[in-house]
Amino acid sequence: MTPSRPASVPGLGVGTVLLVALLVSSVVSALTLWWLQRQLDTALWLRPPVMVLDLSAPARSAALADLPARLRAYTQAAERLAAQGVLVLERNAVLATPPALLVNEAEVPRATP
């Protein structure tokens, strides 16, 4: 009598292993991206980006008749920035700021004649 052989168990193919690895990698990447986005949203909510508007510089160089239009343009620019989540401060309310945070006259639409 010959011993019976156990039925052969089909092994996992290389394709199946790669497919499972790709699926696990995709899920981990999606969860990581979701977590990082939540961290960024929280950080921006706690510490919003800041821009500083300098209203005095264009006011000094403007003619009296142009002053209301320039002030309106600056106010509208500040409102647009605030709608995008930016904290907008007036230059006279700030003691010091890096130059990169200043919004100058060229960056405000319709502020110059």
PDB file of N, CA and C in Angstrom:
ATOM      1  N   MET A   1       0.820  -1.158   0.000  1.00  0.00           N
ATOM      2  CA  MET A   1       0.000   0.000   0.000  1.00  0.00           C
ATOM      3  C   MET A   1       0.884   1.248   0.000  1.00  0.00           C
ATOM      4  N   THR A   2       0.572   2.136  -0.847  1.00  0.00           N
ATOM      5  CA  THR A   2       1.348   3.364  -0.968  1.00  0.00           C
ATOM      6  C   THR A   2       0.659   4.459  -0.165  1.00  0.00           C
ATOM      7  N   PRO A   3       1.440   5.242   0.529  1.00  0.00           N
ATOM      8  CA  PRO A   3       0.835   6.311   1.314  1.00  0.00           C
ATOM      9  C   PRO A   3       0.158   7.317   0.379  1.00  0.00           C
ATOM     10  N   SER A   4      -0.940   7.810   0.828  1.00  0.00           N
ATOM     11  CA  SER A   4      -1.670   8.780  -0.009  1.00  0.00           C
ATOM     12  C   SER A   4      -1.016  10.152   0.113  1.00  0.00           C
ATOM     13  N   ARG A   5      -1.006  10.789  -0.948  1.00  0.00           N
ATOM     14  CA  ARG A   5      -0.411  12.124  -0.979  1.00  0.00           C
ATOM     15  C   ARG A   5      -1.474  13.154  -0.614  1.00  0.00           C
ATOM     16  N   PRO A   6      -1.118  14.128   0.171  1.00  0.00           N
ATOM     17  CA  PRO A   6      -2.095  15.173   0.454  1.00  0.00           C
ATOM     18  C   PRO A   6      -2.375  15.958  -0.830  1.00  0.00           C
ATOM     19  N   ALA A   7      -3.585  16.436  -0.897  1.00  0.00           N
ATOM     20  CA  ALA A   7      -3.952  17.207  -2.082  1.00  0.00           C
ATOM     21  C   ALA A   7      -3.114  18.486  -2.099  1.00  0.00           C
ATOM     22  N   SER A   8      -2.653  18.836  -3.258  1.00  0.00           N
ATOM     23  CA  SER A   8      -1.789  20.012  -3.342  1.00  0.00           C
ATOM     24  C   SER A   8      -2.623  21.276  -3.108  1.00  0.00           C
ATOM     25  N   VAL A   9      -2.084  22.127  -2.279  1.00  0.00           N
ATOM     26  CA  VAL A   9      -2.738  23.398  -1.966  1.00  0.00           C
ATOM     27  C   VAL A   9      -2.200  24.424  -2.954  1.00  0.00           C
ATOM     28  N   PRO A  10      -3.090  25.076  -3.659  1.00  0.00           N
ATOM     29  CA  PRO A  10      -2.586  26.062  -4.614  1.00  0.00           C
ATOM     30  C   PRO A  10      -1.952  27.234  -3.864  1.00  0.00           C
ATOM     31  N   GLY A  11      -0.781  27.635  -4.258  1.00  0.00           N
ATOM     32  CA  GLY A  11      -0.084  28.753  -3.606  1.00  0.00           C
ATOM     33  C   GLY A  11      -0.561  30.084  -4.173  1.00  0.00           C
ATOM     34  N   LEU A  12      -0.214  31.113  -3.441  1.00  0.00           N
ATOM     35  CA  LEU A  12      -0.549  32.450  -3.920  1.00  0.00           C
ATOM     36  C   LEU A  12       0.427  32.820  -5.028  1.00  0.00           C
ATOM     37  N   GLY A  13      -0.098  33.330  -6.082  1.00  0.00           N
ATOM     38  CA  GLY A  13       0.752  33.743  -7.192  1.00  0.00           C
ATOM     39  C   GLY A  13       1.381  35.098  -6.928  1.00  0.00           C
ATOM     40  N   VAL A  14       2.384  35.403  -7.674  1.00  0.00           N
ATOM     41  CA  VAL A  14       3.080  36.678  -7.543  1.00  0.00           C
ATOM     42  C   VAL A  14       2.124  37.824  -7.839  1.00  0.00           C
ATOM     43  N   GLY A  15       1.257  37.651  -8.798  1.00  0.00           N
ATOM     44  CA  GLY A  15       0.290  38.690  -9.147  1.00  0.00           C
ATOM     45  C   GLY A  15      -0.645  39.006  -7.998  1.00  0.00           C
ATOM     46  N   THR A  16      -1.084  37.973  -7.295  1.00  0.00           N
ATOM     47  CA  THR A  16      -1.985  38.176  -6.166  1.00  0.00           C
ATOM     48  C   THR A  16      -1.277  38.923  -5.044  1.00  0.00           C
ATOM     49  N   VAL A  17      -0.051  38.560  -4.770  1.00  0.00           N
ATOM     50  CA  VAL A  17       0.727  39.233  -3.725  1.00  0.00           C
ATOM     51  C   VAL A  17       0.927  40.702  -4.091  1.00  0.00           C
ATOM     52  N   LEU A  18       1.256  40.977  -5.346  1.00  0.00           N
ATOM     53  CA  LEU A  18       1.447  42.363  -5.770  1.00  0.00           C
ATOM     54  C   LEU A  18       0.150  43.151  -5.698  1.00  0.00           C
ATOM     55  N   LEU A  19      -0.954  42.534  -6.048  1.00  0.00           N
ATOM     56  CA  LEU A  19      -2.249  43.198  -5.989  1.00  0.00           C
ATOM     57  C   LEU A  19      -2.624  43.543  -4.545  1.00  0.00           C
ATOM     58  N   VAL A  20      -2.393  42.628  -3.626  1.00  0.00           N
ATOM     59  CA  VAL A  20      -2.680  42.882  -2.214  1.00  0.00           C
ATOM     60  C   VAL A  20      -1.768  43.993  -1.685  1.00  0.00           C
ATOM     61  N   ALA A  21      -0.493  43.953  -2.058  1.00  0.00           N
ATOM     62  CA  ALA A  21       0.445  44.992  -1.617  1.00  0.00           C
ATOM     63  C   ALA A  21       0.037  46.358  -2.158  1.00  0.00           C
ATOM     64  N   LEU A  22      -0.407  46.408  -3.402  1.00  0.00           N
ATOM     65  CA  LEU A  22      -0.855  47.663  -3.984  1.00  0.00           C
ATOM     66  C   LEU A  22      -2.101  48.179  -3.279  1.00  0.00           C
ATOM     67  N   LEU A  23      -3.011  47.302  -2.956  1.00  0.00           N
ATOM     68  CA  LEU A  23      -4.229  47.687  -2.261  1.00  0.00           C
ATOM     69  C   LEU A  23      -3.914  48.229  -0.863  1.00  0.00           C
ATOM     70  N   VAL A  24      -3.073  47.543  -0.126  1.00  0.00           N
ATOM     71  CA  VAL A  24      -2.688  47.992   1.218  1.00  0.00           C
ATOM     72  C   VAL A  24      -1.957  49.334   1.137  1.00  0.00           C
ATOM     73  N   SER A  25      -1.067  49.474   0.178  1.00  0.00           N
ATOM     74  CA  SER A  25      -0.326  50.727   0.008  1.00  0.00           C
ATOM     75  C   SER A  25      -1.272  51.886  -0.319  1.00  0.00           C
ATOM     76  N   SER A  26      -2.254  51.639  -1.165  1.00  0.00           N
ATOM     77  CA  SER A  26      -3.219  52.685  -1.524  1.00  0.00           C
ATOM     78  C   SER A  26      -4.047  53.108  -0.321  1.00  0.00           C
ATOM     79  N   VAL A  27      -4.480  52.172   0.471  1.00  0.00           N
ATOM     80  CA  VAL A  27      -5.289  52.493   1.653  1.00  0.00           C
ATOM     81  C   VAL A  27      -4.457  53.283   2.661  1.00  0.00           C
ATOM     82  N   VAL A  28      -3.236  52.860   2.898  1.00  0.00           N
ATOM     83  CA  VAL A  28      -2.366  53.570   3.841  1.00  0.00           C
ATOM     84  C   VAL A  28      -2.069  54.982   3.328  1.00  0.00           C
ATOM     85  N   SER A  29      -1.823  55.127   2.033  1.00  0.00           N
ATOM     86  CA  SER A  29      -1.560  56.453   1.468  1.00  0.00           C
ATOM     87  C   SER A  29      -2.776  57.358   1.594  1.00  0.00           C
ATOM     88  N   ALA A  30      -3.961  56.839   1.334  1.00  0.00           N
ATOM     89  CA  ALA A  30      -5.184  57.637   1.440  1.00  0.00           C
ATOM     90  C   ALA A  30      -5.415  58.079   2.883  1.00  0.00           C
ATOM     91  N   LEU A  31      -5.209  57.184   3.830  1.00  0.00           N
ATOM     92  CA  LEU A  31      -5.386  57.545   5.239  1.00  0.00           C
ATOM     93  C   LEU A  31      -4.357  58.584   5.681  1.00  0.00           C
ATOM     94  N   THR A  32      -3.129  58.450   5.212  1.00  0.00           N
ATOM     95  CA  THR A  32      -2.088  59.414   5.546  1.00  0.00           C
ATOM     96  C   THR A  32      -2.412  60.790   4.963  1.00  0.00           C
ATOM     97  N   LEU A  33      -2.860  60.816   3.719  1.00  0.00           N
ATOM     98  CA  LEU A  33      -3.230  62.073   3.093  1.00  0.00           C
ATOM     99  C   LEU A  33      -4.394  62.737   3.822  1.00  0.00           C
ATOM    100  N   TRP A  34      -5.385  61.979   4.197  1.00  0.00           N
ATOM    101  CA  TRP A  34      -6.533  62.506   4.953  1.00  0.00           C
ATOM    102  C   TRP A  34      -6.072  63.093   6.285  1.00  0.00           C
ATOM    103  N   TRP A  35      -5.203  62.380   6.995  1.00  0.00           N
ATOM    104  CA  TRP A  35      -4.713  62.836   8.294  1.00  0.00           C
ATOM    105  C   TRP A  35      -3.893  64.121   8.146  1.00  0.00           C
ATOM    106  N   LEU A  36      -3.018  64.170   7.133  1.00  0.00           N
ATOM    107  CA  LEU A  36      -2.211  65.366   6.915  1.00  0.00           C
ATOM    108  C   LEU A  36      -3.077  66.565   6.547  1.00  0.00           C
ATOM    109  N   GLN A  37      -4.123  66.352   5.759  1.00  0.00           N
ATOM    110  CA  GLN A  37      -5.027  67.447   5.405  1.00  0.00           C
ATOM    111  C   GLN A  37      -5.754  67.975   6.637  1.00  0.00           C
ATOM    112  N   ARG A  38      -6.163  67.079   7.514  1.00  0.00           N
ATOM    113  CA  ARG A  38      -6.812  67.510   8.765  1.00  0.00           C
ATOM    114  C   ARG A  38      -5.845  68.324   9.617  1.00  0.00           C
ATOM    115  N   GLN A  39      -4.582  67.898   9.677  1.00  0.00           N
ATOM    116  CA  GLN A  39      -3.577  68.637  10.447  1.00  0.00           C
ATOM    117  C   GLN A  39      -3.385  70.038   9.861  1.00  0.00           C
ATOM    118  N   LEU A  40      -3.317  70.143   8.532  1.00  0.00           N
ATOM    119  CA  LEU A  40      -3.153  71.436   7.883  1.00  0.00           C
ATOM    120  C   LEU A  40      -4.367  72.327   8.122  1.00  0.00           C
ATOM    121  N   ASP A  41      -5.559  71.782   7.997  1.00  0.00           N
ATOM    122  CA  ASP A  41      -6.772  72.560   8.255  1.00  0.00           C
ATOM    123  C   ASP A  41      -6.799  73.089   9.686  1.00  0.00           C
ATOM    124  N   THR A  42      -6.413  72.255  10.621  1.00  0.00           N
ATOM    125  CA  THR A  42      -6.380  72.674  12.025  1.00  0.00           C
ATOM    126  C   THR A  42      -5.336  73.766  12.239  1.00  0.00           C
ATOM    127  N   ALA A  43      -4.167  73.597  11.645  1.00  0.00           N
ATOM    128  CA  ALA A  43      -3.106  74.594  11.798  1.00  0.00           C
ATOM    129  C   ALA A  43      -3.517  75.933  11.196  1.00  0.00           C
ATOM    130  N   LEU A  44      -4.167  75.908  10.031  1.00  0.00           N
ATOM    131  CA  LEU A  44      -4.601  77.157   9.410  1.00  0.00           C
ATOM    132  C   LEU A  44      -5.741  77.800  10.186  1.00  0.00           C
ATOM    133  N   TRP A  45      -6.574  76.994  10.811  1.00  0.00           N
ATOM    134  CA  TRP A  45      -7.664  77.548  11.604  1.00  0.00           C
ATOM    135  C   TRP A  45      -7.104  78.223  12.855  1.00  0.00           C
ATOM    136  N   LEU A  46      -6.094  77.616  13.455  1.00  0.00           N
ATOM    137  CA  LEU A  46      -5.500  78.182  14.663  1.00  0.00           C
ATOM    138  C   LEU A  46      -4.579  79.360  14.356  1.00  0.00           C
ATOM    139  N   ARG A  47      -3.847  79.270  13.239  1.00  0.00           N
ATOM    140  CA  ARG A  47      -2.885  80.299  12.862  1.00  0.00           C
ATOM    141  C   ARG A  47      -3.069  80.628  11.380  1.00  0.00           C
ATOM    142  N   PRO A  48      -4.022  81.508  11.058  1.00  0.00           N
ATOM    143  CA  PRO A  48      -4.271  81.812   9.645  1.00  0.00           C
ATOM    144  C   PRO A  48      -3.108  82.582   9.026  1.00  0.00           C
ATOM    145  N   PRO A  49      -2.978  82.527   7.710  1.00  0.00           N
ATOM    146  CA  PRO A  49      -1.950  83.346   7.056  1.00  0.00           C
ATOM    147  C   PRO A  49      -2.261  84.828   7.277  1.00  0.00           C
ATOM    148  N   VAL A  50      -1.218  85.629   7.317  1.00  0.00           N
ATOM    149  CA  VAL A  50      -1.360  87.052   7.637  1.00  0.00           C
ATOM    150  C   VAL A  50      -0.803  87.890   6.483  1.00  0.00           C
ATOM    151  N   MET A  51      -1.528  88.940   6.131  1.00  0.00           N
ATOM    152  CA  MET A  51      -1.045  89.934   5.170  1.00  0.00           C
ATOM    153  C   MET A  51      -1.233  91.304   5.812  1.00  0.00           C
ATOM    154  N   VAL A  52      -0.354  92.236   5.466  1.00  0.00           N
ATOM    155  CA  VAL A  52      -0.407  93.586   6.028  1.00  0.00           C
ATOM    156  C   VAL A  52      -0.620  94.568   4.880  1.00  0.00           C
ATOM    157  N   LEU A  53      -1.709  95.345   4.962  1.00  0.00           N
ATOM    158  CA  LEU A  53      -1.997  96.378   3.968  1.00  0.00           C
ATOM    159  C   LEU A  53      -1.466  97.717   4.453  1.00  0.00           C
ATOM    160  N   ASP A  54      -0.757  98.395   3.601  1.00  0.00           N
ATOM    161  CA  ASP A  54      -0.224  99.717   3.933  1.00  0.00           C
ATOM    162  C   ASP A  54      -1.079 100.757   3.228  1.00  0.00           C
ATOM    163  N   LEU A  55      -2.031 101.320   3.949  1.00  0.00           N
ATOM    164  CA  LEU A  55      -2.927 102.323   3.370  1.00  0.00           C
ATOM    165  C   LEU A  55      -2.296 103.707   3.320  1.00  0.00           C
ATOM    166  N   SER A  56      -1.309 103.960   4.145  1.00  0.00           N
ATOM    167  CA  SER A  56      -0.751 105.317   4.223  1.00  0.00           C
ATOM    168  C   SER A  56       0.106 105.661   3.006  1.00  0.00           C
ATOM    169  N   ALA A  57       0.844 104.710   2.462  1.00  0.00           N
ATOM    170  CA  ALA A  57       1.720 105.012   1.322  1.00  0.00           C
ATOM    171  C   ALA A  57       0.925 105.471   0.099  1.00  0.00           C
ATOM    172  N   PRO A  58      -0.103 104.745  -0.341  1.00  0.00           N
ATOM    173  CA  PRO A  58      -0.849 105.245  -1.500  1.00  0.00           C
ATOM    174  C   PRO A  58      -1.657 106.498  -1.178  1.00  0.00           C
ATOM    175  N   ALA A  59      -2.057 106.663   0.078  1.00  0.00           N
ATOM    176  CA  ALA A  59      -2.822 107.857   0.446  1.00  0.00           C
ATOM    177  C   ALA A  59      -1.948 109.104   0.347  1.00  0.00           C
ATOM    178  N   ARG A  60      -0.682 108.990   0.667  1.00  0.00           N
ATOM    179  CA  ARG A  60       0.227 110.140   0.587  1.00  0.00           C
ATOM    180  C   ARG A  60       0.483 110.550  -0.867  1.00  0.00           C
ATOM    181  N   SER A  61       0.503 109.568  -1.764  1.00  0.00           N
ATOM    182  CA  SER A  61       0.834 109.874  -3.155  1.00  0.00           C
ATOM    183  C   SER A  61      -0.397 110.139  -4.016  1.00  0.00           C
ATOM    184  N   ALA A  62      -1.588 109.966  -3.479  1.00  0.00           N
ATOM    185  CA  ALA A  62      -2.813 110.132  -4.268  1.00  0.00           C
ATOM    186  C   ALA A  62      -3.318 111.568  -4.204  1.00  0.00           C
ATOM    187  N   ALA A  63      -3.961 111.943  -5.281  1.00  0.00           N
ATOM    188  CA  ALA A  63      -4.655 113.235  -5.273  1.00  0.00           C
ATOM    189  C   ALA A  63      -5.892 113.085  -4.400  1.00  0.00           C
ATOM    190  N   LEU A  64      -6.381 114.180  -3.888  1.00  0.00           N
ATOM    191  CA  LEU A  64      -7.523 114.146  -2.984  1.00  0.00           C
ATOM    192  C   LEU A  64      -8.746 113.507  -3.644  1.00  0.00           C
ATOM    193  N   ALA A  65      -8.930 113.737  -4.933  1.00  0.00           N
ATOM    194  CA  ALA A  65     -10.080 113.172  -5.641  1.00  0.00           C
ATOM    195  C   ALA A  65      -9.949 111.652  -5.812  1.00  0.00           C
ATOM    196  N   ASP A  66      -8.727 111.141  -5.893  1.00  0.00           N
ATOM    197  CA  ASP A  66      -8.498 109.703  -6.083  1.00  0.00           C
ATOM    198  C   ASP A  66      -8.531 108.916  -4.778  1.00  0.00           C
ATOM    199  N   LEU A  67      -8.464 109.602  -3.665  1.00  0.00           N
ATOM    200  CA  LEU A  67      -8.350 108.932  -2.371  1.00  0.00           C
ATOM    201  C   LEU A  67      -9.514 107.986  -2.062  1.00  0.00           C
ATOM    202  N   PRO A  68     -10.777 108.350  -2.261  1.00  0.00           N
ATOM    203  CA  PRO A  68     -11.867 107.403  -1.972  1.00  0.00           C
ATOM    204  C   PRO A  68     -11.799 106.142  -2.826  1.00  0.00           C
ATOM    205  N   ALA A  69     -11.435 106.274  -4.094  1.00  0.00           N
ATOM    206  CA  ALA A  69     -11.343 105.100  -4.979  1.00  0.00           C
ATOM    207  C   ALA A  69     -10.228 104.170  -4.519  1.00  0.00           C
ATOM    208  N   ARG A  70      -9.099 104.742  -4.134  1.00  0.00           N
ATOM    209  CA  ARG A  70      -7.984 103.904  -3.658  1.00  0.00           C
ATOM    210  C   ARG A  70      -8.340 103.211  -2.343  1.00  0.00           C
ATOM    211  N   LEU A  71      -8.967 103.936  -1.453  1.00  0.00           N
ATOM    212  CA  LEU A  71      -9.373 103.337  -0.179  1.00  0.00           C
ATOM    213  C   LEU A  71     -10.378 102.210  -0.409  1.00  0.00           C
ATOM    214  N   ARG A  72     -11.309 102.414  -1.336  1.00  0.00           N
ATOM    215  CA  ARG A  72     -12.300 101.384  -1.667  1.00  0.00           C
ATOM    216  C   ARG A  72     -11.603 100.150  -2.271  1.00  0.00           C
ATOM    217  N   ALA A  73     -10.602 100.382  -3.150  1.00  0.00           N
ATOM    218  CA  ALA A  73      -9.869  99.272  -3.754  1.00  0.00           C
ATOM    219  C   ALA A  73      -9.128  98.468  -2.682  1.00  0.00           C
ATOM    220  N   TYR A  74      -8.510  99.158  -1.750  1.00  0.00           N
ATOM    221  CA  TYR A  74      -7.803  98.467  -0.667  1.00  0.00           C
ATOM    222  C   TYR A  74      -8.772  97.696   0.228  1.00  0.00           C
ATOM    223  N   THR A  75      -9.919  98.294   0.520  1.00  0.00           N
ATOM    224  CA  THR A  75     -10.920  97.611   1.348  1.00  0.00           C
ATOM    225  C   THR A  75     -11.443  96.358   0.649  1.00  0.00           C
ATOM    226  N   GLN A  76     -11.694  96.461  -0.660  1.00  0.00           N
ATOM    227  CA  GLN A  76     -12.159  95.300  -1.411  1.00  0.00           C
ATOM    228  C   GLN A  76     -11.084  94.213  -1.470  1.00  0.00           C
ATOM    229  N   ALA A  77      -9.824  94.609  -1.632  1.00  0.00           N
ATOM    230  CA  ALA A  77      -8.728  93.637  -1.636  1.00  0.00           C
ATOM    231  C   ALA A  77      -8.644  92.930  -0.280  1.00  0.00           C
ATOM    232  N   ALA A  78      -8.800  93.684   0.796  1.00  0.00           N
ATOM    233  CA  ALA A  78      -8.758  93.085   2.134  1.00  0.00           C
ATOM    234  C   ALA A  78      -9.918  92.115   2.328  1.00  0.00           C
ATOM    235  N   GLU A  79     -11.092  92.471   1.835  1.00  0.00           N
ATOM    236  CA  GLU A  79     -12.249  91.574   1.959  1.00  0.00           C
ATOM    237  C   GLU A  79     -12.062  90.297   1.154  1.00  0.00           C
ATOM    238  N   ARG A  80     -11.464  90.413  -0.045  1.00  0.00           N
ATOM    239  CA  ARG A  80     -11.189  89.211  -0.851  1.00  0.00           C
ATOM    240  C   ARG A  80     -10.193  88.297  -0.146  1.00  0.00           C
ATOM    241  N   LEU A  81      -9.152  88.903   0.427  1.00  0.00           N
ATOM    242  CA  LEU A  81      -8.164  88.101   1.158  1.00  0.00           C
ATOM    243  C   LEU A  81      -8.806  87.433   2.373  1.00  0.00           C
ATOM    244  N   ALA A  82      -9.640  88.160   3.094  1.00  0.00           N
ATOM    245  CA  ALA A  82     -10.309  87.598   4.271  1.00  0.00           C
ATOM    246  C   ALA A  82     -11.239  86.454   3.871  1.00  0.00           C
ATOM    247  N   ALA A  83     -11.895  86.571   2.727  1.00  0.00           N
ATOM    248  CA  ALA A  83     -12.769  85.489   2.253  1.00  0.00           C
ATOM    249  C   ALA A  83     -11.975  84.234   1.926  1.00  0.00           C
ATOM    250  N   GLN A  84     -10.686  84.392   1.634  1.00  0.00           N
ATOM    251  CA  GLN A  84      -9.813  83.250   1.350  1.00  0.00           C
ATOM    252  C   GLN A  84      -9.128  82.722   2.609  1.00  0.00           C
ATOM    253  N   GLY A  85      -9.482  83.276   3.772  1.00  0.00           N
ATOM    254  CA  GLY A  85      -8.935  82.784   5.028  1.00  0.00           C
ATOM    255  C   GLY A  85      -7.690  83.505   5.507  1.00  0.00           C
ATOM    256  N   VAL A  86      -7.406  84.663   4.946  1.00  0.00           N
ATOM    257  CA  VAL A  86      -6.213  85.422   5.325  1.00  0.00           C
ATOM    258  C   VAL A  86      -6.597  86.488   6.346  1.00  0.00           C
ATOM    259  N   LEU A  87      -5.813  86.604   7.392  1.00  0.00           N
ATOM    260  CA  LEU A  87      -5.989  87.667   8.379  1.00  0.00           C
ATOM    261  C   LEU A  87      -5.309  88.919   7.831  1.00  0.00           C
ATOM    262  N   VAL A  88      -6.071  89.985   7.647  1.00  0.00           N
ATOM    263  CA  VAL A  88      -5.552  91.216   7.043  1.00  0.00           C
ATOM    264  C   VAL A  88      -5.435  92.286   8.131  1.00  0.00           C
ATOM    265  N   LEU A  89      -4.233  92.839   8.270  1.00  0.00           N
ATOM    266  CA  LEU A  89      -3.972  93.896   9.242  1.00  0.00           C
ATOM    267  C   LEU A  89      -3.567  95.165   8.520  1.00  0.00           C
ATOM    268  N   GLU A  90      -3.849  96.307   9.133  1.00  0.00           N
ATOM    269  CA  GLU A  90      -3.430  97.582   8.575  1.00  0.00           C
ATOM    270  C   GLU A  90      -2.022  97.883   9.078  1.00  0.00           C
ATOM    271  N   ARG A  91      -1.191  98.422   8.230  1.00  0.00           N
ATOM    272  CA  ARG A  91       0.230  98.640   8.529  1.00  0.00           C
ATOM    273  C   ARG A  91       0.440  99.459   9.797  1.00  0.00           C
ATOM    274  N   ASN A  92      -0.405 100.434  10.068  1.00  0.00           N
ATOM    275  CA  ASN A  92      -0.231 101.279  11.254  1.00  0.00           C
ATOM    276  C   ASN A  92      -0.553 100.538  12.543  1.00  0.00           C
ATOM    277  N   ALA A  93      -1.205  99.393  12.465  1.00  0.00           N
ATOM    278  CA  ALA A  93      -1.522  98.599  13.651  1.00  0.00           C
ATOM    279  C   ALA A  93      -0.438  97.562  13.939  1.00  0.00           C
ATOM    280  N   VAL A  94       0.600  97.529  13.102  1.00  0.00           N
ATOM    281  CA  VAL A  94       1.667  96.531  13.227  1.00  0.00           C
ATOM    282  C   VAL A  94       2.973  97.244  13.530  1.00  0.00           C
ATOM    283  N   LEU A  95       3.682  96.770  14.550  1.00  0.00           N
ATOM    284  CA  LEU A  95       4.958  97.398  14.898  1.00  0.00           C
ATOM    285  C   LEU A  95       6.052  97.053  13.910  1.00  0.00           C
ATOM    286  N   ALA A  96       6.128  95.791  13.504  1.00  0.00           N
ATOM    287  CA  ALA A  96       7.146  95.357  12.552  1.00  0.00           C
ATOM    288  C   ALA A  96       6.612  94.161  11.773  1.00  0.00           C
ATOM    289  N   THR A  97       7.053  94.046  10.537  1.00  0.00           N
ATOM    290  CA  THR A  97       6.626  92.933   9.690  1.00  0.00           C
ATOM    291  C   THR A  97       7.697  92.635   8.655  1.00  0.00           C
ATOM    292  N   PRO A  98       7.851  91.394   8.265  1.00  0.00           N
ATOM    293  CA  PRO A  98       8.763  91.096   7.156  1.00  0.00           C
ATOM    294  C   PRO A  98       8.209  91.701   5.862  1.00  0.00           C
ATOM    295  N   PRO A  99       9.051  92.168   4.991  1.00  0.00           N
ATOM    296  CA  PRO A  99       8.577  92.781   3.747  1.00  0.00           C
ATOM    297  C   PRO A  99       7.714  91.846   2.894  1.00  0.00           C
ATOM    298  N   ALA A 100       7.914  90.562   3.007  1.00  0.00           N
ATOM    299  CA  ALA A 100       7.139  89.612   2.197  1.00  0.00           C
ATOM    300  C   ALA A 100       5.655  89.606   2.570  1.00  0.00           C
ATOM    301  N   LEU A 101       5.315  90.058   3.770  1.00  0.00           N
ATOM    302  CA  LEU A 101       3.920  90.071   4.190  1.00  0.00           C
ATOM    303  C   LEU A 101       3.178  91.338   3.778  1.00  0.00           C
ATOM    304  N   LEU A 102       3.911  92.351   3.324  1.00  0.00           N
ATOM    305  CA  LEU A 102       3.278  93.605   2.932  1.00  0.00           C
ATOM    306  C   LEU A 102       2.630  93.473   1.563  1.00  0.00           C
ATOM    307  N   VAL A 103       1.395  93.933   1.458  1.00  0.00           N
ATOM    308  CA  VAL A 103       0.707  94.001   0.167  1.00  0.00           C
ATOM    309  C   VAL A 103       0.919  95.415  -0.342  1.00  0.00           C
ATOM    310  N   ASN A 104       1.652  95.532  -1.451  1.00  0.00           N
ATOM    311  CA  ASN A 104       1.953  96.881  -1.947  1.00  0.00           C
ATOM    312  C   ASN A 104       0.908  97.333  -2.965  1.00  0.00           C
ATOM    313  N   GLU A 105       1.088  98.549  -3.434  1.00  0.00           N
ATOM    314  CA  GLU A 105       0.114  99.185  -4.330  1.00  0.00           C
ATOM    315  C   GLU A 105      -0.072  98.420  -5.633  1.00  0.00           C
ATOM    316  N   ALA A 106       0.977  97.829  -6.154  1.00  0.00           N
ATOM    317  CA  ALA A 106       0.891  97.116  -7.427  1.00  0.00           C
ATOM    318  C   ALA A 106       0.066  95.840  -7.307  1.00  0.00           C
ATOM    319  N   GLU A 107      -0.058  95.297  -6.105  1.00  0.00           N
ATOM    320  CA  GLU A 107      -0.802  94.051  -5.889  1.00  0.00           C
ATOM    321  C   GLU A 107      -2.274  94.273  -5.633  1.00  0.00           C
ATOM    322  N   VAL A 108      -2.687  95.523  -5.475  1.00  0.00           N
ATOM    323  CA  VAL A 108      -4.104  95.834  -5.231  1.00  0.00           C
ATOM    324  C   VAL A 108      -4.709  96.324  -6.543  1.00  0.00           C
ATOM    325  N   PRO A 109      -5.656  95.592  -7.118  1.00  0.00           N
ATOM    326  CA  PRO A 109      -6.239  96.028  -8.383  1.00  0.00           C
ATOM    327  C   PRO A 109      -6.971  97.357  -8.242  1.00  0.00           C
ATOM    328  N   ARG A 110      -6.857  98.177  -9.254  1.00  0.00           N
ATOM    329  CA  ARG A 110      -7.531  99.472  -9.346  1.00  0.00           C
ATOM    330  C   ARG A 110      -7.137 100.435  -8.232  1.00  0.00           C
ATOM    331  N   ALA A 111      -6.013 100.198  -7.572  1.00  0.00           N
ATOM    332  CA  ALA A 111      -5.589 101.110  -6.512  1.00  0.00           C
ATOM    333  C   ALA A 111      -4.794 102.278  -7.096  1.00  0.00           C
ATOM    334  N   THR A 112      -4.224 102.073  -8.272  1.00  0.00           N
ATOM    335  CA  THR A 112      -3.446 103.147  -8.893  1.00  0.00           C
ATOM    336  C   THR A 112      -4.226 103.701 -10.071  1.00  0.00           C
ATOM    337  N   PRO A 113      -4.105 104.989 -10.330  1.00  0.00           N
ATOM    338  CA  PRO A 113      -4.851 105.593 -11.442  1.00  0.00           C
ATOM    339  C   PRO A 113      -4.332 105.151 -12.789  1.00  0.00           C
TER     340      PRO A 113
END
